[in-house]
C-alpha cells in the first residue's frame, strides 16, 4: 500500500490538521479499519486521533 499526501491544511479554529491522501493499493478498496493502522504509521499519529471521513475510488485507487 503506497500513501501519498496530496494536501495538508491547518485548522486553528478546531485545533487540527486536515490532510488529503492518495492510497495506491491492489485489489478491492480497503476498509476504514484496514486504513487506520497504515495511516497512523505514515503520519506518526495515534489511531485514536485520526478520523477518516470519506473514501473515493478511482481506477483501483482510494483517495481519503
C-alpha atoms as a PDB file:
ATOM      1  CA  UNK A   1       0.000   0.000   0.000  1.00  0.00           C
ATOM      2  CA  UNK A   2       1.527   3.328  -1.103  1.00  0.00           C
ATOM      3  CA  UNK A   3       0.427   6.527   0.683  1.00  0.00           C
ATOM      4  CA  UNK A   4       0.978   9.998  -0.811  1.00  0.00           C
ATOM      5  CA  UNK A   5      -0.054  13.238   0.897  1.00  0.00           C
ATOM      6  CA  UNK A   6      -1.833  15.479  -1.617  1.00  0.00           C
ATOM      7  CA  UNK A   7      -2.598  18.441   0.656  1.00  0.00           C
ATOM      8  CA  UNK A   8      -2.221  19.393   4.289  1.00  0.00           C
ATOM      9  CA  UNK A   9      -4.079  22.292   5.896  1.00  0.00           C
ATOM     10  CA  UNK A  10      -4.020  23.595   9.473  1.00  0.00           C
ATOM     11  CA  UNK A  11      -7.402  24.353  11.018  1.00  0.00           C
ATOM     12  CA  UNK A  12      -6.613  26.514  14.079  1.00  0.00           C
ATOM     13  CA  UNK A  13     -10.278  27.019  14.943  1.00  0.00           C
ATOM     14  CA  UNK A  14     -10.721  23.290  15.609  1.00  0.00           C
ATOM     15  CA  UNK A  15      -7.058  22.735  16.582  1.00  0.00           C
ATOM     16  CA  UNK A  16      -6.448  20.045  13.962  1.00  0.00           C
ATOM     17  CA  UNK A  17      -4.834  19.284  10.610  1.00  0.00           C
ATOM     18  CA  UNK A  18      -6.873  18.305   7.574  1.00  0.00           C
ATOM     19  CA  UNK A  19      -4.981  16.006   5.229  1.00  0.00           C
ATOM     20  CA  UNK A  20      -5.939  14.650   1.817  1.00  0.00           C
ATOM     21  CA  UNK A  21      -4.071  11.472   0.857  1.00  0.00           C
ATOM     22  CA  UNK A  22      -3.937   9.178  -2.146  1.00  0.00           C
ATOM     23  CA  UNK A  23      -3.520   5.490  -1.406  1.00  0.00           C
ATOM     24  CA  UNK A  24      -2.434   3.148  -4.184  1.00  0.00           C
ATOM     25  CA  UNK A  25      -3.418  -0.434  -3.457  1.00  0.00           C
ATOM     26  CA  UNK A  26      -4.024  -3.692  -5.223  1.00  0.00           C
ATOM     27  CA  UNK A  27      -7.365  -5.467  -5.245  1.00  0.00           C
ATOM     28  CA  UNK A  28     -10.574  -4.263  -3.637  1.00  0.00           C
ATOM     29  CA  UNK A  29     -10.969  -0.872  -1.952  1.00  0.00           C
ATOM     30  CA  UNK A  30      -9.605  -1.159   1.599  1.00  0.00           C
ATOM     31  CA  UNK A  31     -11.978  -0.724   4.515  1.00  0.00           C
ATOM     32  CA  UNK A  32     -11.674   2.088   7.055  1.00  0.00           C
ATOM     33  CA  UNK A  33     -10.433  -0.382   9.704  1.00  0.00           C
ATOM     34  CA  UNK A  34      -7.598  -1.529   7.441  1.00  0.00           C
ATOM     35  CA  UNK A  35      -6.518   2.013   6.553  1.00  0.00           C
ATOM     36  CA  UNK A  36      -6.236   3.395  10.093  1.00  0.00           C
ATOM     37  CA  UNK A  37      -3.093   1.448  11.128  1.00  0.00           C
ATOM     38  CA  UNK A  38      -1.337   2.253   7.844  1.00  0.00           C
ATOM     39  CA  UNK A  39      -2.183   5.952   8.035  1.00  0.00           C
ATOM     40  CA  UNK A  40      -1.190   6.208  11.691  1.00  0.00           C
ATOM     41  CA  UNK A  41       2.244   4.757  10.886  1.00  0.00           C
ATOM     42  CA  UNK A  42       2.726   7.046   7.899  1.00  0.00           C
ATOM     43  CA  UNK A  43       1.552  10.204   9.700  1.00  0.00           C
ATOM     44  CA  UNK A  44       3.202   9.245  13.021  1.00  0.00           C
ATOM     45  CA  UNK A  45      -0.067   9.797  14.873  1.00  0.00           C
ATOM     46  CA  UNK A  46      -2.182   7.688  17.189  1.00  0.00           C
ATOM     47  CA  UNK A  47      -5.102   5.815  15.629  1.00  0.00           C
ATOM     48  CA  UNK A  48      -7.322   7.395  18.279  1.00  0.00           C
ATOM     49  CA  UNK A  49      -6.620  10.870  16.894  1.00  0.00           C
ATOM     50  CA  UNK A  50      -7.364  10.050  13.241  1.00  0.00           C
ATOM     51  CA  UNK A  51     -10.778  10.458  11.656  1.00  0.00           C
ATOM     52  CA  UNK A  52     -11.422   9.145   8.151  1.00  0.00           C
ATOM     53  CA  UNK A  53     -14.307  10.986   6.578  1.00  0.00           C
ATOM     54  CA  UNK A  54     -14.594   9.631   3.032  1.00  0.00           C
ATOM     55  CA  UNK A  55     -13.113   7.135   0.624  1.00  0.00           C
ATOM     56  CA  UNK A  56     -13.372   7.936  -3.070  1.00  0.00           C
ATOM     57  CA  UNK A  57     -12.410   5.209  -5.512  1.00  0.00           C
ATOM     58  CA  UNK A  58     -10.930   5.837  -8.918  1.00  0.00           C
ATOM     59  CA  UNK A  59      -9.435   3.132 -11.124  1.00  0.00           C
ATOM     60  CA  UNK A  60      -8.288   0.947  -8.254  1.00  0.00           C
ATOM     61  CA  UNK A  61      -7.040   3.802  -6.066  1.00  0.00           C
ATOM     62  CA  UNK A  62      -8.577   5.047  -2.825  1.00  0.00           C
ATOM     63  CA  UNK A  63      -8.429   8.754  -2.028  1.00  0.00           C
ATOM     64  CA  UNK A  64      -9.351   9.631   1.566  1.00  0.00           C
END
